[in-house]
Amino acid sequence: MTKTAPTPELKRWYAARRKAAALVLADPVYIPIFERVEREIATLENQNDTISRARAVAAGHKAVA
């Protein structure tokens, strides 16, 4: 299965993760923010994977029909 390109929203979360990582290195008080950003990224990546799998199943079904 091919990996789809990240959505603009996901790209923004990746940028936020880089910024949050820098903040954590400067002061560990920012760890909860970094963790939240990572959870959001994981959620969006999982949604994208689920949609990709659904498309693959639907495409396979159309090919058989």
N, C-alpha and C. Protein backbone atom coordinates (compact mmCIF):
# COMPACT_ATOMS: atom_id res chain seq x y z
N MET A 1 0.85 -1.18 0.00
CA MET A 1 0.00 0.00 0.00
C MET A 1 0.90 1.24 0.00
N THR A 2 0.58 2.22 -0.83
CA THR A 2 1.40 3.44 -0.90
C THR A 2 0.98 4.41 0.18
N LYS A 3 1.95 5.13 0.65
CA LYS A 3 1.70 6.14 1.69
C LYS A 3 1.26 7.43 1.02
N THR A 4 0.17 8.00 1.49
CA THR A 4 -0.32 9.25 0.91
C THR A 4 0.45 10.43 1.48
N ALA A 5 0.45 11.51 0.74
CA ALA A 5 1.13 12.72 1.19
C ALA A 5 0.39 13.30 2.39
N PRO A 6 1.12 13.91 3.32
CA PRO A 6 0.45 14.50 4.48
C PRO A 6 -0.47 15.65 4.07
N THR A 7 -1.57 15.75 4.77
CA THR A 7 -2.52 16.85 4.51
C THR A 7 -1.92 18.15 5.03
N PRO A 8 -2.45 19.29 4.59
CA PRO A 8 -1.96 20.56 5.12
C PRO A 8 -2.09 20.64 6.65
N GLU A 9 -3.18 20.08 7.16
CA GLU A 9 -3.38 20.09 8.62
C GLU A 9 -2.28 19.28 9.31
N LEU A 10 -1.96 18.14 8.76
CA LEU A 10 -0.91 17.30 9.33
C LEU A 10 0.45 17.99 9.23
N LYS A 11 0.69 18.68 8.14
CA LYS A 11 1.95 19.43 8.00
C LYS A 11 2.07 20.49 9.09
N ARG A 12 0.95 21.14 9.41
CA ARG A 12 0.99 22.16 10.48
C ARG A 12 1.31 21.51 11.82
N TRP A 13 0.74 20.31 12.08
CA TRP A 13 1.04 19.60 13.32
C TRP A 13 2.50 19.18 13.37
N TYR A 14 3.08 18.77 12.22
CA TYR A 14 4.50 18.42 12.20
C TYR A 14 5.36 19.64 12.56
N ALA A 15 5.00 20.79 12.03
CA ALA A 15 5.73 22.02 12.35
C ALA A 15 5.58 22.36 13.84
N ALA A 16 4.38 22.17 14.37
CA ALA A 16 4.15 22.43 15.79
C ALA A 16 4.97 21.47 16.65
N ARG A 17 5.11 20.23 16.20
CA ARG A 17 5.91 19.26 16.95
C ARG A 17 7.38 19.69 17.01
N ARG A 18 7.90 20.17 15.88
CA ARG A 18 9.30 20.65 15.87
C ARG A 18 9.48 21.81 16.86
N LYS A 19 8.53 22.73 16.87
CA LYS A 19 8.61 23.87 17.78
C LYS A 19 8.47 23.42 19.23
N ALA A 20 7.53 22.52 19.47
CA ALA A 20 7.33 22.02 20.83
C ALA A 20 8.56 21.25 21.32
N ALA A 21 9.19 20.51 20.43
CA ALA A 21 10.41 19.77 20.81
C ALA A 21 11.50 20.74 21.25
N ALA A 22 11.65 21.83 20.52
CA ALA A 22 12.65 22.84 20.89
C ALA A 22 12.32 23.44 22.25
N LEU A 23 11.05 23.67 22.51
CA LEU A 23 10.64 24.22 23.80
C LEU A 23 10.94 23.24 24.94
N VAL A 24 10.68 21.96 24.70
CA VAL A 24 10.95 20.94 25.73
C VAL A 24 12.43 20.91 26.07
N LEU A 25 13.28 21.03 25.05
CA LEU A 25 14.72 21.03 25.30
C LEU A 25 15.16 22.24 26.11
N ALA A 26 14.44 23.36 25.93
CA ALA A 26 14.76 24.57 26.68
C ALA A 26 14.21 24.51 28.10
N ASP A 27 13.03 23.87 28.26
CA ASP A 27 12.40 23.80 29.58
C ASP A 27 11.40 22.64 29.59
N PRO A 28 11.64 21.63 30.40
CA PRO A 28 10.75 20.46 30.44
C PRO A 28 9.29 20.77 30.81
N VAL A 29 9.00 21.97 31.25
CA VAL A 29 7.62 22.32 31.58
C VAL A 29 6.71 22.18 30.35
N TYR A 30 7.31 22.19 29.15
CA TYR A 30 6.55 22.10 27.91
C TYR A 30 6.26 20.67 27.47
N ILE A 31 6.67 19.68 28.25
CA ILE A 31 6.44 18.27 27.89
C ILE A 31 4.96 17.98 27.62
N PRO A 32 4.02 18.44 28.44
CA PRO A 32 2.60 18.13 28.15
C PRO A 32 2.15 18.66 26.78
N ILE A 33 2.67 19.79 26.37
CA ILE A 33 2.30 20.34 25.06
C ILE A 33 2.86 19.45 23.96
N PHE A 34 4.12 19.06 24.11
CA PHE A 34 4.75 18.17 23.13
C PHE A 34 3.97 16.85 23.02
N GLU A 35 3.59 16.29 24.15
CA GLU A 35 2.83 15.04 24.15
C GLU A 35 1.47 15.21 23.48
N ARG A 36 0.83 16.33 23.72
CA ARG A 36 -0.48 16.60 23.10
C ARG A 36 -0.34 16.68 21.58
N VAL A 37 0.69 17.36 21.12
CA VAL A 37 0.93 17.49 19.69
C VAL A 37 1.17 16.10 19.08
N GLU A 38 1.95 15.29 19.76
CA GLU A 38 2.21 13.94 19.26
C GLU A 38 0.92 13.10 19.19
N ARG A 39 0.04 13.26 20.18
CA ARG A 39 -1.24 12.54 20.14
C ARG A 39 -2.09 12.98 18.96
N GLU A 40 -2.12 14.28 18.71
CA GLU A 40 -2.90 14.80 17.58
C GLU A 40 -2.36 14.26 16.26
N ILE A 41 -1.04 14.22 16.12
CA ILE A 41 -0.42 13.69 14.91
C ILE A 41 -0.79 12.22 14.74
N ALA A 42 -0.70 11.45 15.81
CA ALA A 42 -1.02 10.02 15.74
C ALA A 42 -2.48 9.82 15.32
N THR A 43 -3.36 10.63 15.86
CA THR A 43 -4.79 10.53 15.52
C THR A 43 -5.01 10.80 14.04
N LEU A 44 -4.41 11.88 13.54
CA LEU A 44 -4.59 12.23 12.12
C LEU A 44 -3.96 11.19 11.20
N GLU A 45 -2.79 10.69 11.56
CA GLU A 45 -2.14 9.67 10.74
C GLU A 45 -2.99 8.40 10.72
N ASN A 46 -3.58 8.05 11.84
CA ASN A 46 -4.44 6.86 11.90
C ASN A 46 -5.68 7.05 11.03
N GLN A 47 -6.26 8.24 11.07
CA GLN A 47 -7.44 8.51 10.23
C GLN A 47 -7.07 8.39 8.76
N ASN A 48 -5.91 8.95 8.39
CA ASN A 48 -5.47 8.88 6.99
C ASN A 48 -5.24 7.43 6.57
N ASP A 49 -4.64 6.62 7.45
CA ASP A 49 -4.41 5.21 7.15
C ASP A 49 -5.73 4.47 6.98
N THR A 50 -6.69 4.77 7.83
CA THR A 50 -8.00 4.11 7.75
C THR A 50 -8.69 4.46 6.44
N ILE A 51 -8.64 5.72 6.06
CA ILE A 51 -9.25 6.15 4.80
C ILE A 51 -8.56 5.46 3.63
N SER A 52 -7.24 5.36 3.67
CA SER A 52 -6.49 4.69 2.59
C SER A 52 -6.88 3.22 2.49
N ARG A 53 -7.01 2.56 3.63
CA ARG A 53 -7.42 1.15 3.62
C ARG A 53 -8.83 0.99 3.05
N ALA A 54 -9.72 1.89 3.43
CA ALA A 54 -11.09 1.83 2.93
C ALA A 54 -11.12 2.03 1.42
N ARG A 55 -10.31 2.94 0.91
CA ARG A 55 -10.24 3.16 -0.54
C ARG A 55 -9.74 1.91 -1.25
N ALA A 56 -8.74 1.26 -0.66
CA ALA A 56 -8.18 0.05 -1.27
C ALA A 56 -9.24 -1.06 -1.32
N VAL A 57 -9.98 -1.20 -0.24
CA VAL A 57 -11.04 -2.23 -0.21
C VAL A 57 -12.10 -1.91 -1.24
N ALA A 58 -12.52 -0.64 -1.29
CA ALA A 58 -13.56 -0.24 -2.25
C ALA A 58 -13.07 -0.43 -3.68
N ALA A 59 -11.82 -0.11 -3.96
CA ALA A 59 -11.27 -0.28 -5.30
C ALA A 59 -11.21 -1.75 -5.68
N GLY A 60 -10.87 -2.61 -4.73
CA GLY A 60 -10.84 -4.04 -4.98
C GLY A 60 -12.23 -4.58 -5.26
N HIS A 61 -13.20 -4.04 -4.55
CA HIS A 61 -14.58 -4.47 -4.74
C HIS A 61 -15.08 -4.07 -6.14
N LYS A 62 -14.73 -2.87 -6.58
CA LYS A 62 -15.14 -2.39 -7.90
C LYS A 62 -14.50 -3.24 -9.00
N ALA A 63 -13.24 -3.64 -8.78
CA ALA A 63 -12.55 -4.43 -9.78
C ALA A 63 -13.20 -5.80 -9.97
N VAL A 64 -13.74 -6.34 -8.90
CA VAL A 64 -14.37 -7.65 -8.95
C VAL A 64 -15.78 -7.55 -9.54
N ALA A 65 -16.47 -6.48 -9.24
CA ALA A 65 -17.87 -6.32 -9.65
C ALA A 65 -18.05 -6.11 -11.13
